Amino acid sequence: MFCPKCGGQTLLSVSPKEFRCSCGFHFFQNVAAAVMVALCWQDEVLVAVRARNPGKGLLDLPGGFVDPGESLEVALRRELQEELGFDMVGQPCRYLGSFANTYPYDGITYHTCDTFFAITLAEKPVIKPADDVADCQWVTLDSLCLSRFAFTSTRSAVALLQQSAHP
């Protein structure tokens, strides 16, 4: 691999996340933070259909990557606005957990920590799919098929939500 500091083909792997170059450059491949949310109304949850790869055409929960300088909550609000035209201001948001995940994109596999939130809505909002969402569907929580979700982290999150609904 080429070193971004000296340009030499001298960047060597020390461990799966650590790389060093003979010029002294030291690089750590850390995980990227991401958010996802279950928008819940009565016994239904909003699922998104992915418009892009990875997982194009498969189900997902609304969310995305946390940008530099953002908190999880700010990223969640931005992603809901970008993907659904939904402003979550005034909606109580519950943190439910986090899951390790991989996100293969453009020949690189990114390791992520996907944080999972839920919002219980008093009324069903108007949703306008945009950004990287092809479509949205309100589906009963019990009818969700985990194998239709694009990512292992999302399957784990939905399973957790299903279990918490039926203790």
Protein backbone atom coordinates (compact mmCIF):
# COMPACT_ATOMS: atom_id res chain seq x y z
CA MET A 1 0.00 0.00 0.00
CA PHE A 2 1.10 3.54 -0.68
CA CYS A 3 1.87 5.88 2.21
CA PRO A 4 -0.19 9.11 2.16
CA LYS A 5 2.75 11.00 3.75
CA CYS A 6 5.78 10.01 1.62
CA GLY A 7 4.05 8.37 -1.36
CA GLY A 8 6.20 5.27 -1.12
CA GLN A 9 4.80 1.79 -1.44
CA THR A 10 5.98 1.17 2.12
CA LEU A 11 2.80 1.24 4.22
CA LEU A 12 2.72 -2.09 6.02
CA SER A 13 0.01 -3.70 8.12
CA VAL A 14 1.00 -4.16 11.77
CA SER A 15 -2.46 -5.48 12.74
CA PRO A 16 -5.90 -5.52 11.09
CA LYS A 17 -6.38 -1.86 12.12
CA GLU A 18 -2.82 -0.48 12.35
CA PHE A 19 -0.46 0.50 9.52
CA ARG A 20 3.07 1.95 9.62
CA CYS A 21 5.50 3.33 7.08
CA SER A 22 9.29 3.49 7.20
CA CYS A 23 8.99 7.31 6.95
CA GLY A 24 7.40 7.34 10.41
CA PHE A 25 3.77 7.70 9.32
CA HIS A 26 1.39 5.78 11.58
CA PHE A 27 -2.26 5.13 10.64
CA PHE A 28 -5.13 3.53 12.60
CA GLN A 29 -8.24 2.34 10.77
CA ASN A 30 -10.93 3.13 13.36
CA VAL A 31 -14.62 2.34 13.09
CA ALA A 32 -17.11 4.80 11.65
CA ALA A 33 -20.14 5.74 13.74
CA ALA A 34 -23.62 5.37 12.27
CA VAL A 35 -27.19 5.83 13.48
CA MET A 36 -30.44 4.03 12.72
CA VAL A 37 -33.92 4.53 14.09
CA ALA A 38 -37.14 2.58 14.35
CA LEU A 39 -40.01 5.02 13.82
CA CYS A 40 -42.86 3.23 15.60
CA TRP A 41 -46.56 4.01 15.29
CA GLN A 42 -48.95 1.68 17.11
CA ASP A 43 -47.84 -1.84 16.05
CA GLU A 44 -46.06 -0.65 12.91
CA VAL A 45 -42.50 0.37 12.14
CA LEU A 46 -41.26 2.35 9.15
CA VAL A 47 -38.79 0.47 6.95
CA ALA A 48 -36.86 1.96 4.06
CA VAL A 49 -35.98 0.29 0.76
CA ARG A 50 -32.37 1.04 -0.15
CA ALA A 51 -31.90 2.93 -3.41
CA ARG A 52 -28.14 2.29 -3.63
CA ASN A 53 -25.58 -0.40 -2.99
CA PRO A 54 -24.64 -1.92 -0.73
CA GLY A 55 -27.95 -3.70 -0.36
CA LYS A 56 -29.86 -1.94 -3.14
CA GLY A 57 -33.51 -3.08 -3.04
CA LEU A 58 -33.21 -4.57 0.45
CA LEU A 59 -34.78 -3.19 3.62
CA ASP A 60 -33.11 -0.88 6.10
CA LEU A 61 -34.04 1.38 8.96
CA PRO A 62 -33.69 5.13 8.36
CA GLY A 63 -30.28 6.48 9.32
CA GLY A 64 -26.72 6.83 8.12
CA PHE A 65 -23.19 7.82 8.99
CA VAL A 66 -22.33 10.38 11.65
CA ASP A 67 -20.48 13.34 10.11
CA PRO A 68 -17.37 14.82 11.75
CA GLY A 69 -18.38 17.20 14.54
CA GLU A 70 -21.87 15.68 14.97
CA SER A 71 -23.33 13.94 17.98
CA LEU A 72 -25.40 10.80 17.45
CA GLU A 73 -28.59 12.78 18.07
CA VAL A 74 -27.69 15.54 15.60
CA ALA A 75 -26.78 12.93 12.97
CA LEU A 76 -30.08 11.12 13.55
CA ARG A 77 -32.06 14.33 13.11
CA ARG A 78 -30.14 15.24 9.93
CA GLU A 79 -30.54 11.76 8.43
CA LEU A 80 -34.30 11.68 9.10
CA GLN A 81 -34.64 15.10 7.45
CA GLU A 82 -32.51 14.09 4.44
CA GLU A 83 -33.99 10.63 3.90
CA LEU A 84 -37.63 11.15 4.87
CA GLY A 85 -38.35 14.87 5.14
CA PHE A 86 -39.20 14.15 8.80
CA ASP A 87 -38.28 16.56 11.60
CA MET A 88 -37.98 14.69 14.87
CA VAL A 89 -37.93 17.83 17.05
CA GLY A 90 -40.13 17.28 20.08
CA GLN A 91 -40.19 13.50 19.61
CA PRO A 92 -38.76 11.53 22.54
CA CYS A 93 -35.94 9.34 21.26
CA ARG A 94 -34.80 6.20 23.12
CA TYR A 95 -31.35 4.67 22.76
CA LEU A 96 -31.70 0.88 22.49
CA GLY A 97 -28.15 -0.33 21.80
CA SER A 98 -25.34 -0.63 19.29
CA PHE A 99 -24.06 -3.28 16.91
CA ALA A 100 -20.80 -3.86 15.05
CA ASN A 101 -21.24 -3.95 11.28
CA THR A 102 -19.36 -3.93 8.00
CA TYR A 103 -20.25 -1.64 5.11
CA PRO A 104 -18.64 -2.65 1.79
CA TYR A 105 -18.49 0.35 -0.54
CA ASP A 106 -16.46 1.00 -3.69
CA GLY A 107 -13.97 -1.79 -3.00
CA ILE A 108 -13.39 -0.87 0.65
CA THR A 109 -14.96 -2.57 3.66
CA TYR A 110 -15.72 -0.02 6.38
CA HIS A 111 -16.14 -1.27 9.92
CA THR A 112 -18.92 0.59 11.69
CA CYS A 113 -20.56 0.86 15.09
CA ASP A 114 -24.27 1.25 14.34
CA THR A 115 -26.25 2.88 17.15
CA PHE A 116 -29.94 2.03 17.41
CA PHE A 117 -32.71 4.38 18.54
CA ALA A 118 -36.51 4.20 18.60
CA ILE A 119 -39.11 6.94 18.42
CA THR A 120 -42.71 6.13 19.39
CA LEU A 121 -45.00 8.42 17.42
CA ALA A 122 -48.39 9.70 18.59
CA GLU A 123 -49.55 10.04 14.98
CA LYS A 124 -48.36 8.66 11.67
CA PRO A 125 -46.28 11.33 9.90
CA VAL A 126 -46.18 12.19 6.22
CA ILE A 127 -43.00 10.66 4.84
CA LYS A 128 -41.27 11.65 1.58
CA PRO A 129 -38.50 9.20 0.60
CA ALA A 130 -35.41 11.00 -0.70
CA ASP A 131 -31.62 10.81 -0.71
CA ASP A 132 -30.67 7.12 -0.74
CA VAL A 133 -34.17 5.78 0.04
CA ALA A 134 -36.13 4.30 -2.89
CA ASP A 135 -39.34 3.76 -0.92
CA CYS A 136 -40.74 3.52 2.62
CA GLN A 137 -43.30 1.15 4.04
CA TRP A 138 -45.16 0.97 7.34
CA VAL A 139 -45.04 -2.69 8.35
CA THR A 140 -46.29 -4.47 11.46
CA LEU A 141 -43.38 -5.31 13.71
CA ASP A 142 -44.37 -8.99 13.92
CA SER A 143 -44.39 -9.39 10.13
CA LEU A 144 -40.84 -8.13 9.56
CA CYS A 145 -38.61 -10.79 8.02
CA LEU A 146 -35.04 -10.29 9.23
CA SER A 147 -33.49 -11.84 6.12
CA ARG A 148 -34.89 -9.00 3.98
CA PHE A 149 -32.65 -6.43 5.74
CA ALA A 150 -29.40 -5.38 4.09
CA PHE A 151 -27.12 -5.43 7.13
CA THR A 152 -26.46 -7.73 10.07
CA SER A 153 -26.61 -4.76 12.45
CA THR A 154 -30.09 -3.85 11.24
CA ARG A 155 -31.26 -7.46 11.52
CA SER A 156 -29.98 -7.48 15.12
CA ALA A 157 -31.69 -4.17 15.87
CA VAL A 158 -35.05 -5.30 14.46
CA ALA A 159 -34.77 -8.61 16.37
CA LEU A 160 -34.13 -6.63 19.57
CA LEU A 161 -37.17 -4.46 18.86
CA GLN A 162 -39.34 -7.53 18.20
CA GLN A 163 -38.13 -9.18 21.45
CA SER A 164 -38.77 -6.04 23.49
CA ALA A 165 -42.33 -5.86 22.14
CA HIS A 166 -42.94 -9.44 23.34
CA PRO A 167 -41.02 -9.91 26.61
